[in-house]
N, C-alpha and C. Protein backbone atom coordinates (compact mmCIF):
# COMPACT_ATOMS: atom_id res chain seq x y z
N MET A 1 23.32 4.51 -105.97
CA MET A 1 23.67 4.62 -104.59
C MET A 1 22.80 3.69 -103.74
N ALA A 2 23.46 2.91 -102.90
CA ALA A 2 22.68 2.01 -102.05
C ALA A 2 22.12 2.85 -100.87
N GLN A 3 20.79 2.94 -100.82
CA GLN A 3 20.15 3.73 -99.77
C GLN A 3 19.10 2.87 -99.15
N LEU A 4 18.88 3.15 -97.84
CA LEU A 4 17.88 2.44 -97.08
C LEU A 4 17.16 3.41 -96.16
N ASN A 5 15.82 3.32 -96.15
CA ASN A 5 15.04 4.14 -95.30
C ASN A 5 14.83 3.43 -93.96
N ILE A 6 15.41 3.96 -92.86
CA ILE A 6 15.35 3.37 -91.58
C ILE A 6 14.63 4.31 -90.62
N ALA A 7 13.51 3.92 -90.11
CA ALA A 7 12.68 4.70 -89.16
C ALA A 7 12.46 6.13 -89.70
N GLY A 8 12.12 6.17 -91.01
CA GLY A 8 11.78 7.48 -91.60
C GLY A 8 12.95 8.32 -92.06
N ALA A 9 14.14 7.88 -91.85
CA ALA A 9 15.34 8.62 -92.32
C ALA A 9 16.09 7.84 -93.37
N GLY A 10 16.57 8.56 -94.42
CA GLY A 10 17.32 7.92 -95.49
C GLY A 10 18.78 7.77 -95.14
N TYR A 11 19.35 6.59 -95.34
CA TYR A 11 20.76 6.37 -95.06
C TYR A 11 21.43 5.82 -96.30
N THR A 12 22.68 6.22 -96.48
CA THR A 12 23.50 5.78 -97.59
C THR A 12 24.70 5.03 -97.04
N ALA A 13 24.93 3.86 -97.64
CA ALA A 13 26.13 3.08 -97.21
C ALA A 13 27.37 3.75 -97.66
N LYS A 14 28.39 3.75 -96.83
CA LYS A 14 29.70 4.33 -97.16
C LYS A 14 30.80 3.30 -96.93
N PHE A 15 31.78 3.39 -97.76
CA PHE A 15 32.91 2.46 -97.66
C PHE A 15 34.10 3.21 -97.12
N THR A 16 34.40 2.92 -95.90
CA THR A 16 35.44 3.61 -95.11
C THR A 16 36.17 2.54 -94.28
N PHE A 17 37.10 3.01 -93.50
CA PHE A 17 37.77 2.09 -92.54
C PHE A 17 36.75 1.60 -91.52
N ALA A 18 35.71 2.36 -91.24
CA ALA A 18 34.68 1.90 -90.26
C ALA A 18 33.99 0.68 -90.86
N PHE A 19 33.72 0.65 -92.14
CA PHE A 19 33.10 -0.54 -92.84
C PHE A 19 34.04 -1.70 -92.66
N LYS A 20 35.28 -1.52 -93.04
CA LYS A 20 36.27 -2.61 -93.04
C LYS A 20 36.47 -3.15 -91.60
N ASN A 21 36.64 -2.26 -90.64
CA ASN A 21 36.87 -2.65 -89.25
C ASN A 21 35.70 -3.44 -88.67
N LYS A 22 34.45 -2.97 -88.96
CA LYS A 22 33.31 -3.69 -88.47
C LYS A 22 33.15 -5.04 -89.16
N ALA A 23 33.40 -5.07 -90.45
CA ALA A 23 33.34 -6.35 -91.19
C ALA A 23 34.34 -7.32 -90.66
N ASP A 24 35.57 -6.88 -90.42
CA ASP A 24 36.59 -7.79 -89.94
C ASP A 24 36.28 -8.23 -88.50
N LYS A 25 35.75 -7.35 -87.69
CA LYS A 25 35.41 -7.71 -86.31
C LYS A 25 34.23 -8.66 -86.17
N GLU A 26 33.17 -8.40 -86.96
CA GLU A 26 31.93 -9.12 -86.76
C GLU A 26 31.61 -10.19 -87.79
N PHE A 27 32.21 -10.12 -88.95
CA PHE A 27 31.82 -11.03 -90.05
C PHE A 27 33.00 -11.81 -90.68
N ASN A 28 34.09 -11.89 -89.98
CA ASN A 28 35.30 -12.62 -90.52
C ASN A 28 35.26 -14.04 -89.98
N ASP A 29 34.39 -14.84 -90.51
CA ASP A 29 34.21 -16.23 -90.09
C ASP A 29 35.35 -17.12 -90.59
N VAL A 30 35.59 -18.20 -89.92
CA VAL A 30 36.59 -19.19 -90.31
C VAL A 30 36.02 -19.96 -91.52
N ASP A 31 36.79 -20.15 -92.58
CA ASP A 31 36.37 -20.89 -93.73
C ASP A 31 36.63 -22.39 -93.53
N ALA A 32 36.32 -23.18 -94.59
CA ALA A 32 36.47 -24.61 -94.45
C ALA A 32 37.89 -25.11 -94.24
N HIS A 33 38.88 -24.23 -94.56
CA HIS A 33 40.28 -24.59 -94.39
C HIS A 33 40.89 -24.02 -93.13
N GLY A 34 40.03 -23.45 -92.29
CA GLY A 34 40.51 -22.83 -91.02
C GLY A 34 41.09 -21.46 -91.12
N ASN A 35 40.93 -20.84 -92.30
CA ASN A 35 41.43 -19.46 -92.51
C ASN A 35 40.35 -18.39 -92.27
N ARG A 36 40.79 -17.24 -91.98
CA ARG A 36 39.89 -16.08 -91.89
C ARG A 36 40.17 -15.11 -93.10
N PRO A 37 39.32 -15.23 -94.11
CA PRO A 37 39.56 -14.48 -95.34
C PRO A 37 39.29 -12.99 -95.22
N GLY A 38 38.73 -12.52 -94.18
CA GLY A 38 38.45 -11.09 -94.03
C GLY A 38 36.94 -10.87 -94.12
N GLY A 39 36.46 -9.91 -93.35
CA GLY A 39 35.02 -9.63 -93.39
C GLY A 39 34.53 -9.13 -94.72
N PHE A 40 35.34 -8.33 -95.42
CA PHE A 40 34.92 -7.88 -96.73
C PHE A 40 34.64 -9.06 -97.66
N ASN A 41 35.56 -10.03 -97.69
CA ASN A 41 35.40 -11.16 -98.59
C ASN A 41 34.14 -11.94 -98.22
N GLN A 42 33.89 -12.07 -96.96
CA GLN A 42 32.70 -12.84 -96.48
C GLN A 42 31.41 -12.13 -97.01
N ILE A 43 31.38 -10.83 -96.82
CA ILE A 43 30.18 -10.07 -97.25
C ILE A 43 30.09 -10.08 -98.78
N TYR A 44 31.17 -9.86 -99.46
CA TYR A 44 31.18 -9.81 -100.95
C TYR A 44 30.69 -11.16 -101.53
N GLN A 45 31.25 -12.23 -101.03
CA GLN A 45 30.89 -13.60 -101.50
C GLN A 45 29.47 -13.89 -101.14
N GLY A 46 29.05 -13.45 -99.95
CA GLY A 46 27.63 -13.71 -99.52
C GLY A 46 26.65 -12.96 -100.40
N LEU A 47 26.98 -11.72 -100.84
CA LEU A 47 26.14 -11.01 -101.75
C LEU A 47 26.05 -11.75 -103.08
N LEU A 48 27.15 -12.30 -103.52
CA LEU A 48 27.15 -13.09 -104.78
C LEU A 48 26.27 -14.27 -104.68
N GLN A 49 26.04 -14.79 -103.50
CA GLN A 49 25.20 -15.97 -103.27
C GLN A 49 23.78 -15.61 -102.81
N PHE A 50 23.44 -14.32 -102.87
CA PHE A 50 22.16 -13.80 -102.49
C PHE A 50 21.78 -14.24 -101.05
N ASP A 51 22.77 -14.14 -100.17
CA ASP A 51 22.63 -14.52 -98.76
C ASP A 51 22.08 -13.31 -97.98
N LEU A 52 20.93 -13.47 -97.38
CA LEU A 52 20.34 -12.36 -96.63
C LEU A 52 21.15 -11.89 -95.46
N ASP A 53 21.93 -12.83 -94.87
CA ASP A 53 22.82 -12.42 -93.78
C ASP A 53 23.90 -11.47 -94.28
N ALA A 54 24.36 -11.71 -95.52
CA ALA A 54 25.39 -10.79 -96.13
C ALA A 54 24.78 -9.45 -96.44
N LEU A 55 23.51 -9.42 -96.81
CA LEU A 55 22.85 -8.16 -97.11
C LEU A 55 22.71 -7.36 -95.83
N ARG A 56 22.34 -8.04 -94.76
CA ARG A 56 22.24 -7.35 -93.42
C ARG A 56 23.60 -6.86 -92.97
N ALA A 57 24.64 -7.70 -93.16
CA ALA A 57 26.02 -7.34 -92.80
C ALA A 57 26.50 -6.14 -93.62
N PHE A 58 26.16 -6.12 -94.91
CA PHE A 58 26.52 -4.98 -95.76
C PHE A 58 26.00 -3.67 -95.14
N TRP A 59 24.73 -3.66 -94.71
CA TRP A 59 24.15 -2.47 -94.16
C TRP A 59 24.73 -2.15 -92.78
N LEU A 60 24.92 -3.16 -91.98
CA LEU A 60 25.55 -2.90 -90.62
C LEU A 60 26.92 -2.26 -90.78
N CYS A 61 27.71 -2.75 -91.73
CA CYS A 61 29.02 -2.20 -92.00
C CYS A 61 28.98 -0.87 -92.76
N GLY A 62 28.07 -0.80 -93.70
CA GLY A 62 27.94 0.41 -94.52
C GLY A 62 27.50 1.66 -93.72
N LEU A 63 26.89 1.40 -92.57
CA LEU A 63 26.46 2.53 -91.71
C LEU A 63 27.34 2.68 -90.48
N ALA A 64 28.42 1.93 -90.45
CA ALA A 64 29.35 1.94 -89.28
C ALA A 64 30.02 3.32 -89.10
N HIS A 65 30.01 4.12 -90.11
CA HIS A 65 30.70 5.45 -90.01
C HIS A 65 29.86 6.44 -89.21
N LEU A 66 28.60 6.17 -89.02
CA LEU A 66 27.67 7.08 -88.28
C LEU A 66 27.96 7.07 -86.79
N SER A 67 27.87 8.26 -86.22
CA SER A 67 28.11 8.29 -84.76
C SER A 67 26.94 7.64 -84.00
N LYS A 68 25.74 7.77 -84.53
CA LYS A 68 24.58 7.02 -83.97
C LYS A 68 24.07 6.02 -85.02
N GLN A 69 24.55 4.81 -84.92
CA GLN A 69 24.23 3.77 -85.90
C GLN A 69 22.89 3.14 -85.61
N PRO A 70 22.14 2.84 -86.67
CA PRO A 70 20.89 2.12 -86.47
C PRO A 70 21.19 0.71 -85.94
N SER A 71 20.31 0.16 -85.19
CA SER A 71 20.53 -1.15 -84.60
C SER A 71 20.29 -2.23 -85.66
N ARG A 72 20.73 -3.42 -85.35
CA ARG A 72 20.49 -4.59 -86.19
C ARG A 72 19.01 -4.75 -86.44
N ILE A 73 18.20 -4.62 -85.40
CA ILE A 73 16.75 -4.79 -85.50
C ILE A 73 16.18 -3.72 -86.44
N GLU A 74 16.60 -2.48 -86.31
CA GLU A 74 16.12 -1.40 -87.21
C GLU A 74 16.49 -1.65 -88.67
N ILE A 75 17.70 -2.15 -88.88
CA ILE A 75 18.18 -2.45 -90.24
C ILE A 75 17.34 -3.59 -90.78
N GLU A 76 17.16 -4.62 -90.02
CA GLU A 76 16.32 -5.75 -90.49
C GLU A 76 14.91 -5.33 -90.82
N ALA A 77 14.33 -4.51 -89.95
CA ALA A 77 12.96 -3.98 -90.24
C ALA A 77 12.92 -3.19 -91.53
N ALA A 78 13.92 -2.36 -91.76
CA ALA A 78 13.98 -1.55 -92.95
C ALA A 78 14.15 -2.44 -94.19
N LEU A 79 14.96 -3.48 -94.09
CA LEU A 79 15.14 -4.40 -95.21
C LEU A 79 13.85 -5.16 -95.50
N GLU A 80 13.16 -5.59 -94.46
CA GLU A 80 11.90 -6.32 -94.63
C GLU A 80 10.85 -5.40 -95.31
N GLU A 81 10.85 -4.14 -94.86
CA GLU A 81 9.89 -3.15 -95.45
C GLU A 81 10.21 -2.93 -96.94
N ARG A 82 11.47 -2.82 -97.23
CA ARG A 82 11.91 -2.60 -98.67
C ARG A 82 11.58 -3.84 -99.50
N ILE A 83 11.78 -5.05 -98.96
CA ILE A 83 11.44 -6.24 -99.69
C ILE A 83 9.98 -6.28 -99.97
N GLU A 84 9.18 -5.93 -99.01
CA GLU A 84 7.76 -5.88 -99.13
C GLU A 84 7.34 -4.89 -100.21
N GLU A 85 7.92 -3.70 -100.20
CA GLU A 85 7.63 -2.66 -101.21
C GLU A 85 8.01 -3.14 -102.61
N ASP A 86 9.22 -3.71 -102.74
CA ASP A 86 9.72 -4.13 -104.07
C ASP A 86 9.12 -5.44 -104.52
N GLY A 87 8.62 -6.23 -103.57
CA GLY A 87 8.13 -7.55 -103.88
C GLY A 87 9.19 -8.53 -104.25
N ASP A 88 10.43 -8.20 -103.93
CA ASP A 88 11.60 -9.05 -104.31
C ASP A 88 12.81 -8.54 -103.51
N VAL A 89 13.77 -9.43 -103.34
CA VAL A 89 15.04 -9.08 -102.66
C VAL A 89 16.08 -8.62 -103.66
N GLU A 90 15.93 -8.99 -104.93
CA GLU A 90 16.96 -8.72 -105.93
C GLU A 90 17.38 -7.27 -106.05
N PRO A 91 16.45 -6.30 -106.04
CA PRO A 91 16.90 -4.90 -106.13
C PRO A 91 17.85 -4.49 -104.97
N LEU A 92 17.57 -4.98 -103.77
CA LEU A 92 18.46 -4.70 -102.63
C LEU A 92 19.84 -5.29 -102.84
N PHE A 93 19.87 -6.56 -103.31
CA PHE A 93 21.16 -7.18 -103.58
C PHE A 93 21.94 -6.44 -104.68
N GLN A 94 21.22 -6.07 -105.72
CA GLN A 94 21.82 -5.40 -106.83
C GLN A 94 22.43 -4.06 -106.40
N GLU A 95 21.72 -3.29 -105.61
CA GLU A 95 22.24 -2.00 -105.13
C GLU A 95 23.47 -2.19 -104.26
N ALA A 96 23.35 -3.12 -103.31
CA ALA A 96 24.48 -3.38 -102.38
C ALA A 96 25.71 -3.86 -103.12
N PHE A 97 25.49 -4.84 -103.98
CA PHE A 97 26.64 -5.42 -104.72
C PHE A 97 27.29 -4.40 -105.66
N ARG A 98 26.46 -3.65 -106.37
CA ARG A 98 26.99 -2.67 -107.28
C ARG A 98 27.84 -1.65 -106.53
N GLU A 99 27.35 -1.17 -105.40
CA GLU A 99 28.11 -0.21 -104.61
C GLU A 99 29.45 -0.76 -104.16
N ILE A 100 29.45 -1.93 -103.63
CA ILE A 100 30.68 -2.50 -103.09
C ILE A 100 31.60 -2.90 -104.21
N ASP A 101 31.08 -3.42 -105.34
CA ASP A 101 31.90 -3.84 -106.43
C ASP A 101 32.57 -2.63 -107.16
N GLU A 102 31.92 -1.54 -107.15
CA GLU A 102 32.41 -0.37 -107.84
C GLU A 102 33.07 0.68 -106.91
N SER A 103 33.13 0.32 -105.66
CA SER A 103 33.71 1.23 -104.63
C SER A 103 35.19 1.50 -104.87
N GLY A 104 35.60 2.71 -104.85
CA GLY A 104 37.05 2.99 -104.92
C GLY A 104 37.78 2.47 -103.70
N PHE A 105 37.18 2.48 -102.55
CA PHE A 105 37.79 2.04 -101.33
C PHE A 105 38.14 0.52 -101.40
N PHE A 106 37.24 -0.25 -102.01
CA PHE A 106 37.47 -1.70 -102.07
C PHE A 106 37.87 -2.15 -103.48
N LYS A 107 38.24 -1.27 -104.34
CA LYS A 107 38.59 -1.60 -105.75
C LYS A 107 39.65 -2.69 -105.81
N LYS A 108 40.72 -2.53 -105.08
CA LYS A 108 41.83 -3.54 -105.11
C LYS A 108 41.34 -4.84 -104.49
N ALA A 109 40.54 -4.77 -103.47
CA ALA A 109 40.07 -6.00 -102.81
C ALA A 109 39.15 -6.78 -103.73
N VAL A 110 38.31 -6.07 -104.53
CA VAL A 110 37.46 -6.73 -105.49
C VAL A 110 38.29 -7.41 -106.58
N LYS A 111 39.26 -6.69 -107.09
CA LYS A 111 40.15 -7.23 -108.15
C LYS A 111 40.85 -8.47 -107.60
N THR A 112 41.39 -8.37 -106.41
CA THR A 112 42.12 -9.49 -105.80
C THR A 112 41.19 -10.71 -105.61
N PHE A 113 39.93 -10.47 -105.21
CA PHE A 113 38.95 -11.53 -105.03
C PHE A 113 38.82 -12.33 -106.29
N TRP A 114 38.68 -11.63 -107.43
CA TRP A 114 38.47 -12.33 -108.73
C TRP A 114 39.76 -12.97 -109.20
N GLU A 115 40.90 -12.34 -108.97
CA GLU A 115 42.17 -12.96 -109.31
C GLU A 115 42.39 -14.25 -108.53
N ASN A 116 42.09 -14.19 -107.24
CA ASN A 116 42.28 -15.38 -106.39
C ASN A 116 41.33 -16.51 -106.81
N LEU A 117 40.14 -16.15 -107.22
CA LEU A 117 39.19 -17.15 -107.68
C LEU A 117 39.70 -17.90 -108.94
N GLU A 118 40.26 -17.14 -109.85
CA GLU A 118 40.85 -17.70 -111.07
C GLU A 118 42.11 -18.53 -110.67
N LEU A 119 42.86 -18.04 -109.79
CA LEU A 119 44.07 -18.76 -109.38
C LEU A 119 43.68 -20.10 -108.69
N PHE A 120 42.61 -20.08 -107.93
CA PHE A 120 42.15 -21.29 -107.28
C PHE A 120 41.92 -22.41 -108.29
N GLU A 121 41.29 -22.05 -109.43
CA GLU A 121 41.01 -23.04 -110.43
C GLU A 121 42.34 -23.64 -110.98
N SER A 122 43.33 -22.78 -111.17
CA SER A 122 44.58 -23.26 -111.75
C SER A 122 45.39 -24.17 -110.79
N VAL A 123 45.17 -23.98 -109.49
CA VAL A 123 45.97 -24.81 -108.53
C VAL A 123 45.18 -25.98 -107.94
N ALA A 124 43.89 -26.11 -108.34
CA ALA A 124 43.07 -27.16 -107.86
C ALA A 124 43.54 -28.50 -108.41
N SER A 125 43.38 -29.52 -107.60
CA SER A 125 43.73 -30.88 -108.06
C SER A 125 42.81 -31.30 -109.19
N GLU A 126 43.14 -32.31 -109.91
CA GLU A 126 42.36 -32.76 -111.06
C GLU A 126 40.91 -33.04 -110.64
N GLU A 127 40.67 -33.69 -109.53
CA GLU A 127 39.30 -33.97 -109.10
C GLU A 127 38.55 -32.72 -108.66
N GLU A 128 39.23 -31.67 -108.26
CA GLU A 128 38.63 -30.41 -107.81
C GLU A 128 38.40 -29.46 -108.97
N LYS A 129 39.08 -29.65 -110.08
CA LYS A 129 39.05 -28.68 -111.20
C LYS A 129 37.59 -28.45 -111.72
N GLU A 130 36.86 -29.51 -111.98
CA GLU A 130 35.52 -29.34 -112.49
C GLU A 130 34.60 -28.60 -111.50
N GLN A 131 34.74 -28.97 -110.24
CA GLN A 131 33.94 -28.33 -109.23
C GLN A 131 34.35 -26.86 -109.10
N ALA A 132 35.61 -26.56 -109.12
CA ALA A 132 36.12 -25.19 -109.06
C ALA A 132 35.62 -24.39 -110.25
N LYS A 133 35.71 -24.99 -111.44
CA LYS A 133 35.29 -24.29 -112.62
C LYS A 133 33.81 -23.94 -112.59
N ALA A 134 33.01 -24.92 -112.11
CA ALA A 134 31.55 -24.71 -112.00
C ALA A 134 31.23 -23.61 -110.98
N GLY A 135 31.96 -23.62 -109.87
CA GLY A 135 31.73 -22.60 -108.84
C GLY A 135 32.10 -21.23 -109.33
N ILE A 136 33.20 -21.14 -110.06
CA ILE A 136 33.65 -19.83 -110.61
C ILE A 136 32.63 -19.31 -111.62
N GLU A 137 32.17 -20.20 -112.50
CA GLU A 137 31.15 -19.80 -113.48
C GLU A 137 29.86 -19.31 -112.80
N MET A 138 29.49 -19.97 -111.69
CA MET A 138 28.28 -19.61 -110.95
C MET A 138 28.50 -18.20 -110.38
N MET A 139 29.64 -17.90 -109.87
CA MET A 139 29.90 -16.58 -109.31
C MET A 139 29.95 -15.50 -110.37
N LYS A 140 30.54 -15.86 -111.51
CA LYS A 140 30.56 -14.88 -112.64
C LYS A 140 29.15 -14.57 -113.14
N THR A 141 28.33 -15.59 -113.21
CA THR A 141 26.94 -15.42 -113.63
C THR A 141 26.20 -14.54 -112.62
N ALA A 142 26.42 -14.81 -111.36
CA ALA A 142 25.76 -14.03 -110.28
C ALA A 142 26.22 -12.56 -110.36
N ARG A 143 27.50 -12.33 -110.67
CA ARG A 143 28.04 -10.97 -110.75
C ARG A 143 27.35 -10.25 -111.89
N VAL A 144 27.18 -10.91 -113.04
CA VAL A 144 26.51 -10.28 -114.19
C VAL A 144 25.08 -9.90 -113.81
N GLU A 145 24.40 -10.84 -113.14
CA GLU A 145 23.03 -10.64 -112.73
C GLU A 145 22.95 -9.42 -111.75
N LEU A 146 23.85 -9.39 -110.79
CA LEU A 146 23.83 -8.32 -109.81
C LEU A 146 24.18 -6.96 -110.37
N LEU A 147 25.05 -6.95 -111.35
CA LEU A 147 25.50 -5.66 -111.95
C LEU A 147 24.57 -5.26 -113.09
N GLY A 148 23.68 -6.11 -113.56
CA GLY A 148 22.74 -5.77 -114.59
C GLY A 148 23.42 -5.82 -115.94
N ASN A 149 22.79 -5.17 -116.92
CA ASN A 149 23.28 -5.18 -118.30
C ASN A 149 24.48 -4.26 -118.44
N LYS A 150 25.60 -4.74 -117.99
CA LYS A 150 26.82 -3.97 -117.95
C LYS A 150 28.00 -4.86 -118.21
N GLN A 151 28.96 -4.33 -118.96
CA GLN A 151 30.17 -5.12 -119.25
C GLN A 151 31.01 -5.20 -117.98
N ILE A 152 31.63 -6.32 -117.80
CA ILE A 152 32.46 -6.53 -116.60
C ILE A 152 33.78 -7.09 -117.10
N ALA A 153 34.86 -6.40 -116.68
CA ALA A 153 36.19 -6.94 -116.99
C ALA A 153 36.56 -7.87 -115.85
N LEU A 154 36.82 -9.16 -116.22
CA LEU A 154 37.24 -10.14 -115.26
C LEU A 154 38.72 -10.40 -115.50
N VAL A 155 39.50 -10.22 -114.48
CA VAL A 155 40.95 -10.43 -114.61
C VAL A 155 41.25 -11.92 -114.53
N LYS A 156 41.93 -12.46 -115.49
CA LYS A 156 42.31 -13.85 -115.48
C LYS A 156 43.68 -13.95 -114.79
N SER A 157 43.97 -15.09 -114.30
CA SER A 157 45.24 -15.28 -113.54
C SER A 157 46.44 -15.09 -114.44
N ASN A 158 46.31 -15.25 -115.74
CA ASN A 158 47.43 -15.01 -116.65
C ASN A 158 47.53 -13.56 -117.03
N LYS A 159 46.78 -12.69 -116.33
CA LYS A 159 46.73 -11.25 -116.53
C LYS A 159 46.04 -10.81 -117.84
N SER A 160 45.46 -11.73 -118.61
CA SER A 160 44.64 -11.31 -119.71
C SER A 160 43.30 -10.87 -119.18
N ILE A 161 42.56 -10.13 -119.92
CA ILE A 161 41.24 -9.66 -119.49
C ILE A 161 40.18 -10.36 -120.31
N GLU A 162 39.15 -10.83 -119.58
CA GLU A 162 37.98 -11.44 -120.20
C GLU A 162 36.82 -10.54 -119.93
N THR A 163 36.02 -10.21 -120.94
CA THR A 163 34.86 -9.37 -120.71
C THR A 163 33.61 -10.25 -120.81
N GLN A 164 32.75 -10.06 -119.80
CA GLN A 164 31.51 -10.78 -119.70
C GLN A 164 30.39 -9.78 -119.74
N GLN A 165 29.38 -10.03 -120.55
CA GLN A 165 28.25 -9.14 -120.66
C GLN A 165 26.98 -9.93 -120.58
N ASP A 166 26.00 -9.36 -119.89
CA ASP A 166 24.67 -9.97 -119.85
C ASP A 166 23.95 -9.48 -121.08
N ILE A 167 23.58 -10.44 -121.95
CA ILE A 167 22.94 -10.05 -123.22
C ILE A 167 21.45 -10.44 -123.15
């Protein structure tokens, strides 16, 4: 469970419509093609890239269900404190990514994210194919790292299943 101690109180991230609404409202940036892929996709992809802004966004959205939400400054201070305690950011990223990746609320969105990634490779032009393939492999590797020593079923665009395991 992704938990964060903020001002002496323990908080658990929850995946609800409040998470989705806040993500779409505050973190749905325009991509390179002028599209808005959705706040969830921005946060999920940012976590895959170990982006600290995505980690902060995860907590801002994960606590959006609370009637009295901690402020951005309080969340940042709690994250900084946790990083100091752990001596690394990786445990925070692993917890956040694991929770969102395994969430029942976002299960279909996660599956669609990986399907679209595989589809992108198949529709890329010849000059983009190598770059697309390298980017997809980088994301798969990051996913394995973030999920730890666990098997991951990756859906291929042809609907076959590929299993990737960190050995």
